[in-house]
């Protein structure tokens, strides 16, 4: 809905540098501290190839997001584009996918946080200790966010820079300990093996589209958005490939060993410079994973709140705390769900589940981008950004997504499909209640 005539409007203050920095920060999370060992175990010294494939896939997808976002200037992000282009039912499924991927991602990174602490002191890696760490993590973050959104935001800001410093130190120091022989390729991996690596690694690149949410505050979007995304994409890829090369160059085949799996970057730097290097990377991993879970604990409960408010889930989820003005029931509910996922799942399984959900959501968004261009949709008179490559870009993106999903274990796809089926049933069952509510609102407005 457009703002009232003469009312306040958003200030377009974000330029190329600010948007690129925001995008870079959104992408860099806890996953990159943990994934190099898994990718090395799948591809060996050819691991950097998976990073290049990921960035090509993400670049195509982000072009679709940029075009859709420039045409649909509405709050809601991905599922708003899908709803406008493909209707309320598919839009609701997109919203469920968005909640699902955030829940799986939060649980996966919470596992990474527990693994980082276990790397400091082995007894913390026992199942009871791990469960206790995860429960305490979500209890603290839920209490923090119930006390007010400002508290949650300040907590996130405190860890933003701290997560980048150890990564930059790792590359700057570790490069002097690289053994070229460890980087020799045994040969090109086959397509199936490469796909298996990409389905895991895509987790480290997801989130680029989130930085496009404040599109109404970007100066000259048709120029700023593509340039900022290009800068961020190149920067993230360069950092990730450097991390993989340095870790692989220091440890060689040992990077994929069980001893390195819990904290691969810590194992590499510790092997090169001693215990202080390992402690630095473990601290960086703990801070980064804690920051990621903090951000998700702030954002994800709002999806449950919206589902409760809109009549899809129990109304209690939309209750607001009388003192702190936060959706406290949604926060507690989401924290319990994520904690249970984290305790009962493993990092890699949860990563693949999150990736399966996000790739299906990306597929819907790419189809929506094509439909919005085809129908020349421009909400509120938006100028519209036409992605380079014309109408073929969404279909190229869809083809890449299908190829990656083809490498996903069937049980993970089945889990996502089961949630989607449940969501479809829920949409049908709640339709009469939601129609009645909409009619009551219409009557009240007329009165």
Protein backbone atom coordinates (compact mmCIF):
# COMPACT_ATOMS: atom_id res chain seq x y z
CA UNK A 1 0.00 0.00 0.00
CA UNK A 2 1.46 3.42 -0.92
CA UNK A 3 2.08 5.92 1.86
CA UNK A 4 -0.50 8.64 2.39
CA UNK A 5 -0.11 11.67 0.21
CA UNK A 6 2.19 14.15 1.83
CA UNK A 7 3.26 11.57 4.45
CA UNK A 8 6.80 10.57 5.27
CA UNK A 9 8.71 8.37 2.82
CA UNK A 10 11.84 6.31 3.09
CA UNK A 11 15.14 8.12 2.56
CA UNK A 12 17.21 6.69 -0.28
CA UNK A 13 20.54 6.85 1.51
CA UNK A 14 22.20 3.52 0.59
CA UNK A 15 24.83 3.78 -2.12
CA UNK A 16 27.01 1.12 -3.76
CA UNK A 17 29.55 0.91 -0.93
CA UNK A 18 26.95 0.73 1.86
CA UNK A 19 24.82 -1.90 0.11
CA UNK A 20 27.88 -3.98 -0.82
CA UNK A 21 29.11 -3.90 2.80
CA UNK A 22 25.67 -4.87 4.10
CA UNK A 23 25.43 -7.77 1.64
CA UNK A 24 28.92 -8.99 2.53
CA UNK A 25 28.06 -8.97 6.23
CA UNK A 26 24.78 -10.82 5.71
CA UNK A 27 26.45 -13.68 3.84
CA UNK A 28 29.45 -14.26 6.10
CA UNK A 29 28.14 -16.48 8.89
CA UNK A 30 29.22 -19.42 10.98
CA UNK A 31 29.10 -21.99 8.17
CA UNK A 32 32.43 -21.05 6.61
CA UNK A 33 34.23 -21.87 9.88
CA UNK A 34 32.94 -25.46 9.64
CA UNK A 35 32.44 -26.41 5.98
CA UNK A 36 36.02 -26.49 4.53
CA UNK A 37 36.64 -29.96 6.00
CA UNK A 38 33.40 -31.36 4.51
CA UNK A 39 34.13 -29.92 1.06
CA UNK A 40 37.71 -31.21 1.18
CA UNK A 41 36.39 -34.66 2.12
CA UNK A 42 34.18 -34.65 -0.99
CA UNK A 43 36.44 -33.01 -3.60
CA UNK A 44 39.94 -33.03 -2.11
CA UNK A 45 42.20 -30.35 -3.56
CA UNK A 46 39.55 -29.56 -6.20
CA UNK A 47 37.36 -28.03 -3.45
CA UNK A 48 37.66 -24.43 -4.78
CA UNK A 49 35.70 -25.52 -7.84
CA UNK A 50 32.59 -25.96 -5.69
CA UNK A 51 32.89 -22.33 -4.54
CA UNK A 52 32.98 -21.09 -8.13
CA UNK A 53 29.91 -23.16 -9.06
CA UNK A 54 28.07 -21.82 -6.01
CA UNK A 55 28.74 -18.20 -6.88
CA UNK A 56 27.54 -18.71 -10.47
CA UNK A 57 24.30 -20.21 -9.14
CA UNK A 58 23.84 -17.48 -6.54
CA UNK A 59 24.61 -14.75 -9.11
CA UNK A 60 21.82 -15.98 -11.39
CA UNK A 61 19.41 -16.24 -8.47
CA UNK A 62 20.28 -12.78 -7.12
CA UNK A 63 19.67 -11.23 -10.55
CA UNK A 64 16.16 -12.64 -10.32
CA UNK A 65 15.75 -11.23 -6.80
CA UNK A 66 17.03 -7.83 -7.92
CA UNK A 67 14.51 -7.69 -10.77
CA UNK A 68 11.59 -8.96 -8.67
CA UNK A 69 12.47 -6.60 -5.80
CA UNK A 70 12.62 -3.61 -8.12
CA UNK A 71 9.09 -4.37 -9.36
CA UNK A 72 7.45 -5.35 -6.05
CA UNK A 73 8.33 -2.72 -3.45
CA UNK A 74 6.50 -4.46 -0.63
CA UNK A 75 7.56 -5.70 2.80
CA UNK A 76 7.91 -9.47 2.96
CA UNK A 77 10.94 -10.21 0.85
CA UNK A 78 10.94 -13.43 -1.21
CA UNK A 79 7.44 -14.63 -0.43
CA UNK A 80 6.03 -11.17 -1.29
CA UNK A 81 7.42 -11.52 -4.83
CA UNK A 82 5.98 -15.03 -5.09
CA UNK A 83 2.56 -14.00 -3.78
CA UNK A 84 2.21 -11.07 -6.21
CA UNK A 85 3.33 -13.13 -9.20
CA UNK A 86 1.88 -16.56 -8.47
CA UNK A 87 -1.00 -15.96 -6.07
CA UNK A 88 -1.71 -16.23 -2.33
CA UNK A 89 -1.46 -20.04 -2.12
CA UNK A 90 2.01 -20.26 -3.63
CA UNK A 91 2.95 -17.13 -1.67
CA UNK A 92 1.98 -18.88 1.57
CA UNK A 93 4.08 -21.91 0.62
CA UNK A 94 6.96 -19.52 0.00
CA UNK A 95 6.48 -18.06 3.47
CA UNK A 96 6.54 -21.55 5.01
CA UNK A 97 9.72 -22.37 3.09
CA UNK A 98 11.29 -19.17 4.37
CA UNK A 99 10.41 -20.13 7.97
CA UNK A 100 11.61 -23.69 7.41
CA UNK A 101 15.00 -22.75 6.03
CA UNK A 102 15.60 -20.21 8.81
CA UNK A 103 14.70 -22.84 11.41
CA UNK A 104 17.00 -25.49 9.93
CA UNK A 105 19.80 -22.95 9.47
CA UNK A 106 19.49 -21.75 13.06
CA UNK A 107 19.61 -25.32 14.36
CA UNK A 108 22.62 -26.16 12.15
CA UNK A 109 24.62 -23.16 13.32
CA UNK A 110 23.67 -23.85 16.95
CA UNK A 111 25.33 -27.23 16.42
CA UNK A 112 28.39 -25.37 15.16
CA UNK A 113 28.42 -23.23 18.29
CA UNK A 114 28.36 -26.35 20.48
CA UNK A 115 31.14 -27.91 18.38
CA UNK A 116 33.28 -24.80 18.84
CA UNK A 117 33.00 -25.03 22.62
CA UNK A 118 33.76 -28.76 22.47
CA UNK A 119 36.94 -27.94 20.54
CA UNK A 120 38.05 -25.89 23.56
CA UNK A 121 37.29 -28.66 26.07
CA UNK A 122 36.57 -32.20 24.87
CA UNK A 123 34.06 -33.17 27.61
CA UNK A 124 31.67 -30.52 26.23
CA UNK A 125 31.31 -32.70 23.15
CA UNK A 126 29.41 -35.46 24.98
CA UNK A 127 25.70 -35.75 24.01
CA UNK A 128 24.36 -34.52 27.40
CA UNK A 129 26.77 -31.56 27.49
CA UNK A 130 25.97 -30.70 23.86
CA UNK A 131 22.22 -30.75 24.57
CA UNK A 132 22.71 -28.57 27.65
CA UNK A 133 24.80 -26.03 25.69
CA UNK A 134 22.18 -25.80 22.94
CA UNK A 135 19.32 -25.44 25.45
CA UNK A 136 21.18 -22.73 27.37
CA UNK A 137 22.01 -20.88 24.13
CA UNK A 138 18.38 -20.64 23.03
CA UNK A 139 17.16 -19.84 26.55
CA UNK A 140 19.54 -16.87 26.82
CA UNK A 141 18.75 -15.57 23.34
CA UNK A 142 14.98 -15.99 23.79
CA UNK A 143 15.10 -14.05 27.07
CA UNK A 144 17.20 -11.33 25.42
CA UNK A 145 14.79 -10.91 22.51
CA UNK A 146 11.68 -11.01 24.68
CA UNK A 147 13.04 -8.00 26.55
CA UNK A 148 12.89 -5.95 23.37
CA UNK A 149 14.00 -5.84 19.76
CA UNK A 150 16.58 -3.21 20.64
CA UNK A 151 18.39 -5.66 22.90
CA UNK A 152 18.53 -8.24 20.12
CA UNK A 153 19.83 -5.76 17.56
CA UNK A 154 22.58 -4.49 19.88
CA UNK A 155 23.68 -8.06 20.52
CA UNK A 156 23.97 -8.69 16.77
CA UNK A 157 25.94 -5.47 16.21
CA UNK A 158 28.46 -6.48 18.88
CA UNK A 159 29.53 -9.60 16.95
CA UNK A 160 29.47 -8.24 13.39
CA UNK A 161 33.11 -7.15 13.12
CA UNK A 162 34.42 -9.82 15.50
CA UNK A 163 33.51 -12.63 13.10
CA UNK A 164 35.55 -11.15 10.22
CA UNK A 165 38.82 -10.46 12.04
CA UNK A 166 39.80 -14.12 12.67
CA UNK A 167 39.07 -15.04 9.04
CA UNK A 168 41.30 -12.27 7.72
CA UNK A 169 44.05 -13.21 10.19
CA UNK A 170 43.77 -16.84 9.12
CA UNK A 171 44.43 -15.96 5.47
CA UNK A 172 47.12 -13.35 6.17
CA UNK A 173 49.12 -15.62 8.51
CA UNK A 174 48.29 -19.05 7.14
CA UNK A 175 49.37 -18.29 3.57
CA UNK A 176 53.01 -18.43 4.70
CA UNK A 177 52.57 -22.07 5.79
CA UNK A 178 50.94 -23.39 2.62
CA UNK A 179 52.57 -26.40 0.96
CA UNK A 180 51.99 -26.27 -2.83
CA UNK A 181 52.00 -30.08 -3.03
CA UNK A 182 48.80 -30.12 -0.94
CA UNK A 183 46.99 -28.10 -3.62
CA UNK A 184 47.72 -30.40 -6.57
CA UNK A 185 44.51 -31.64 -8.22
CA UNK A 186 44.21 -35.40 -8.75
CA UNK A 187 41.78 -34.70 -11.60
CA UNK A 188 38.40 -33.13 -12.35
CA UNK A 189 35.55 -34.39 -10.16
CA UNK A 190 32.51 -35.87 -11.87
CA UNK A 191 29.22 -34.01 -11.95
CA UNK A 192 27.56 -36.05 -9.21
CA UNK A 193 30.44 -35.58 -6.76
CA UNK A 194 30.59 -31.87 -7.53
CA UNK A 195 26.85 -31.57 -6.99
CA UNK A 196 27.14 -33.30 -3.60
CA UNK A 197 29.69 -30.70 -2.53
CA UNK A 198 27.66 -27.79 -3.87
CA UNK A 199 24.45 -28.81 -2.04
CA UNK A 200 26.35 -28.54 1.24
CA UNK A 201 28.39 -25.44 0.37
CA UNK A 202 25.43 -23.38 -0.88
CA UNK A 203 24.64 -22.90 2.81
CA UNK A 204 27.67 -20.58 3.13
CA UNK A 205 26.47 -18.38 0.23
CA UNK A 206 22.76 -18.15 1.06
CA UNK A 207 21.53 -14.83 2.38
CA UNK A 208 22.68 -12.51 -0.39
CA UNK A 209 19.09 -11.77 -1.32
CA UNK A 210 18.34 -10.65 2.27
CA UNK A 211 20.36 -7.50 1.73
CA UNK A 212 17.87 -6.44 -0.96
CA UNK A 213 15.06 -6.04 1.59
CA UNK A 214 15.73 -2.30 2.10
CA UNK A 215 15.40 -1.63 -1.65
CA UNK A 216 13.22 1.39 -0.93
CA UNK A 217 16.23 3.05 0.71
CA UNK A 218 18.73 2.50 -2.11
CA UNK A 219 19.85 5.38 -4.30
CA UNK A 220 19.37 4.74 -8.04
CA UNK A 221 18.53 1.03 -7.61
CA UNK A 222 19.00 0.09 -11.27
CA UNK A 223 22.66 1.17 -10.98
CA UNK A 224 23.42 0.58 -7.31
CA UNK A 225 21.94 -2.92 -6.85
CA UNK A 226 23.83 -4.78 -9.60
CA UNK A 227 27.14 -3.05 -8.79
CA UNK A 228 26.85 -3.65 -5.05
CA UNK A 229 25.90 -7.30 -5.54
CA UNK A 230 28.80 -7.80 -7.94
CA UNK A 231 31.28 -6.30 -5.44
CA UNK A 232 29.89 -8.39 -2.58
CA UNK A 233 29.85 -11.58 -4.66
CA UNK A 234 33.46 -11.15 -5.77
CA UNK A 235 34.56 -10.28 -2.23
CA UNK A 236 32.81 -13.22 -0.59
CA UNK A 237 34.04 -15.68 -3.19
CA UNK A 238 37.62 -14.41 -2.94
CA UNK A 239 37.57 -14.75 0.86
CA UNK A 240 35.98 -18.22 0.82
CA UNK A 241 38.35 -19.59 -1.82
CA UNK A 242 41.33 -18.12 0.06
CA UNK A 243 40.18 -19.80 3.29
CA UNK A 244 39.78 -23.17 1.55
CA UNK A 245 43.14 -22.91 -0.24
CA UNK A 246 45.03 -21.92 2.90
CA UNK A 247 43.40 -24.62 5.03
CA UNK A 248 43.99 -27.23 2.32
CA UNK A 249 47.52 -25.97 1.75
CA UNK A 250 48.44 -26.28 5.42
CA UNK A 251 46.81 -29.61 6.29
CA UNK A 252 46.47 -31.39 2.95
CA UNK A 253 44.52 -34.66 3.32
CA UNK A 254 44.34 -34.13 7.10
CA UNK A 255 41.79 -31.33 6.52
CA UNK A 256 39.14 -33.99 5.83
CA UNK A 257 40.04 -36.13 8.85
CA UNK A 258 37.59 -36.60 11.75
CA UNK A 259 40.02 -34.72 14.02
CA UNK A 260 39.69 -31.58 11.86
CA UNK A 261 35.96 -31.82 11.06
CA UNK A 262 34.68 -30.00 14.17
CA UNK A 263 37.01 -27.01 13.74
CA UNK A 264 38.89 -27.20 10.41
CA UNK A 265 40.22 -23.64 10.38
CA UNK A 266 41.35 -23.93 14.01
CA UNK A 267 43.12 -27.20 13.21
CA UNK A 268 44.91 -25.62 10.24
CA UNK A 269 46.09 -22.45 11.98
CA UNK A 270 46.95 -24.38 15.15
CA UNK A 271 49.10 -26.74 13.09
CA UNK A 272 50.88 -23.76 11.52
CA UNK A 273 51.52 -21.40 14.45
CA UNK A 274 50.59 -23.26 17.60
CA UNK A 275 47.78 -23.19 20.14
CA UNK A 276 47.20 -19.42 20.00
CA UNK A 277 46.18 -19.79 16.35
CA UNK A 278 43.75 -22.58 17.16
CA UNK A 279 42.25 -20.60 20.04
CA UNK A 280 41.80 -17.53 17.83
CA UNK A 281 39.85 -19.49 15.21
CA UNK A 282 37.79 -21.37 17.82
CA UNK A 283 36.87 -18.04 19.43
CA UNK A 284 36.02 -16.61 16.01
CA UNK A 285 33.82 -19.61 15.19
CA UNK A 286 32.04 -19.37 18.55
CA UNK A 287 31.42 -15.63 18.12
CA UNK A 288 30.26 -15.99 14.51
CA UNK A 289 27.91 -18.89 15.19
CA UNK A 290 26.56 -17.15 18.29
CA UNK A 291 25.94 -14.01 16.22
CA UNK A 292 24.13 -15.97 13.51
CA UNK A 293 21.83 -17.70 16.00
CA UNK A 294 21.22 -14.31 17.66
CA UNK A 295 20.11 -12.80 14.37
CA UNK A 296 17.86 -15.73 13.56
CA UNK A 297 16.33 -15.66 17.04
CA UNK A 298 15.40 -12.06 16.35
CA UNK A 299 13.98 -12.65 12.87
CA UNK A 300 12.45 -16.13 12.65
CA UNK A 301 9.79 -15.83 15.41
CA UNK A 302 8.25 -12.96 13.42
CA UNK A 303 7.21 -15.52 10.81
CA UNK A 304 5.31 -17.53 13.43
CA UNK A 305 3.84 -14.25 14.71
CA UNK A 306 2.62 -13.41 11.18
CA UNK A 307 1.14 -16.89 10.68
CA UNK A 308 -0.73 -16.53 13.98
CA UNK A 309 -1.89 -13.01 13.15
CA UNK A 310 -3.15 -14.07 9.71
CA UNK A 311 -5.09 -17.07 10.98
CA UNK A 312 -2.86 -19.91 9.74
CA UNK A 313 -1.66 -20.90 13.22
CA UNK A 314 -3.12 -20.42 16.73
CA UNK A 315 -3.88 -16.81 17.56
CA UNK A 316 -1.77 -17.04 20.72
CA UNK A 317 1.38 -16.82 18.59
CA UNK A 318 0.42 -13.24 17.73
CA UNK A 319 0.22 -12.12 21.39
CA UNK A 320 2.41 -9.16 22.29
CA UNK A 321 4.13 -8.86 25.68
CA UNK A 322 2.33 -6.11 27.65
CA UNK A 323 5.59 -4.60 28.91
CA UNK A 324 8.28 -5.34 26.32
CA UNK A 325 6.00 -5.15 23.24
CA UNK A 326 7.52 -8.26 21.64
CA UNK A 327 5.86 -11.45 20.29
CA UNK A 328 6.98 -13.42 23.33
CA UNK A 329 4.96 -16.59 22.71
CA UNK A 330 6.27 -16.80 19.14
CA UNK A 331 9.84 -16.26 20.40
CA UNK A 332 9.56 -19.01 23.03
CA UNK A 333 7.86 -21.40 20.59
CA UNK A 334 10.42 -20.84 17.85
CA UNK A 335 13.32 -21.21 20.29
CA UNK A 336 11.97 -24.56 21.52
CA UNK A 337 11.50 -25.79 17.93
CA UNK A 338 15.00 -24.74 16.88
CA UNK A 339 16.57 -26.21 20.02
CA UNK A 340 14.86 -29.57 19.43
CA UNK A 341 16.02 -29.57 15.81
CA UNK A 342 19.58 -28.80 16.90
CA UNK A 343 19.69 -31.46 19.62
CA UNK A 344 18.21 -34.22 17.44
CA UNK A 345 20.06 -33.35 14.22
CA UNK A 346 23.65 -33.11 13.05
CA UNK A 347 25.29 -30.06 11.49
CA UNK A 348 25.56 -31.52 7.98
CA UNK A 349 22.04 -33.01 7.95
CA UNK A 350 20.54 -29.71 9.09
CA UNK A 351 22.61 -27.80 6.52
CA UNK A 352 21.30 -30.00 3.70
CA UNK A 353 17.71 -29.62 4.94
CA UNK A 354 18.13 -25.82 5.06
CA UNK A 355 19.63 -25.85 1.56
CA UNK A 356 16.80 -27.99 0.16
CA UNK A 357 14.24 -25.54 1.56
CA UNK A 358 16.08 -22.46 0.35
CA UNK A 359 16.61 -23.87 -3.15
CA UNK A 360 12.91 -24.66 -3.54
CA UNK A 361 12.14 -21.11 -2.37
CA UNK A 362 14.71 -19.73 -4.82
CA UNK A 363 13.08 -21.74 -7.62
CA UNK A 364 9.69 -20.17 -6.86
CA UNK A 365 11.27 -16.71 -6.74
CA UNK A 366 12.99 -17.17 -10.10
CA UNK A 367 9.70 -18.25 -11.69
CA UNK A 368 8.05 -15.23 -10.04
CA UNK A 369 10.72 -12.91 -11.48
CA UNK A 370 10.01 -14.20 -14.98
CA UNK A 371 6.24 -13.79 -14.47
CA UNK A 372 6.63 -10.25 -13.11
CA UNK A 373 8.69 -9.25 -16.16
CA UNK A 374 6.36 -11.07 -18.57
CA UNK A 375 3.31 -9.27 -17.12
CA UNK A 376 5.27 -6.01 -16.68
CA UNK A 377 4.19 -5.76 -13.03
CA UNK A 378 5.26 -2.51 -11.32
CA UNK A 379 3.84 -2.11 -7.83
CA UNK A 380 3.41 1.54 -6.76
CA UNK A 381 4.86 2.75 -10.06
CA UNK A 382 8.24 1.08 -9.55
CA UNK A 383 10.69 1.77 -12.38
CA UNK A 384 11.79 -1.85 -12.59
CA UNK A 385 15.28 -3.27 -13.08
CA UNK A 386 15.76 -5.51 -16.10
CA UNK A 387 18.40 -8.11 -15.38
CA UNK A 388 21.12 -8.58 -18.00
CA UNK A 389 20.34 -11.53 -20.23
CA UNK A 390 16.65 -10.79 -20.45
CA UNK A 391 14.02 -13.44 -19.82
CA UNK A 392 16.50 -16.33 -20.08
CA UNK A 393 18.17 -15.60 -16.69
CA UNK A 394 15.30 -16.99 -14.54
CA UNK A 395 15.27 -20.23 -16.52
CA UNK A 396 19.05 -20.60 -16.31
CA UNK A 397 18.74 -20.08 -12.56
CA UNK A 398 15.94 -22.69 -12.37
CA UNK A 399 18.07 -25.18 -14.34
CA UNK A 400 21.02 -24.73 -11.95
CA UNK A 401 18.72 -25.10 -8.93
CA UNK A 402 17.24 -28.34 -10.31
CA UNK A 403 20.77 -29.69 -10.93
CA UNK A 404 21.79 -28.94 -7.34
CA UNK A 405 18.56 -30.41 -5.94
CA UNK A 406 19.20 -33.53 -8.04
CA UNK A 407 22.26 -34.14 -5.83
CA UNK A 408 20.26 -33.75 -2.61
CA UNK A 409 19.67 -36.97 -0.64
CA UNK A 410 16.07 -38.14 -1.23
CA UNK A 411 15.24 -38.24 2.50
CA UNK A 412 15.98 -34.52 2.83
CA UNK A 413 13.80 -33.66 -0.16
CA UNK A 414 11.07 -35.88 1.29
CA UNK A 415 11.21 -34.00 4.60
CA UNK A 416 10.77 -30.64 2.86
CA UNK A 417 7.99 -32.07 0.66
CA UNK A 418 6.17 -33.36 3.76
CA UNK A 419 6.20 -29.90 5.34
CA UNK A 420 4.93 -28.37 2.09
CA UNK A 421 2.10 -30.91 1.95
CA UNK A 422 1.16 -30.10 5.55
CA UNK A 423 1.25 -26.38 4.69
CA UNK A 424 -1.06 -26.95 1.72
CA UNK A 425 -3.53 -28.80 3.94
CA UNK A 426 -3.31 -26.02 6.54
CA UNK A 427 -4.02 -23.40 3.86
CA UNK A 428 -7.18 -25.24 2.85
CA UNK A 429 -8.41 -25.91 6.38
CA UNK A 430 -8.00 -22.29 7.49
CA UNK A 431 -9.51 -20.75 4.36
CA UNK A 432 -13.09 -20.38 5.77
CA UNK A 433 -11.82 -18.74 8.98
CA UNK A 434 -9.57 -16.35 7.07
CA UNK A 435 -12.38 -15.40 4.65
CA UNK A 436 -14.72 -14.69 7.55
CA UNK A 437 -12.08 -12.55 9.24
CA UNK A 438 -11.47 -10.60 6.03
CA UNK A 439 -15.22 -10.01 5.64
CA UNK A 440 -15.46 -8.74 9.23
CA UNK A 441 -12.60 -6.32 8.62
CA UNK A 442 -14.24 -5.07 5.44
CA UNK A 443 -17.53 -4.51 7.26
CA UNK A 444 -15.80 -2.72 10.12
CA UNK A 445 -13.97 -0.42 7.71
CA UNK A 446 -17.21 0.45 5.94
CA UNK A 447 -18.87 1.27 9.26
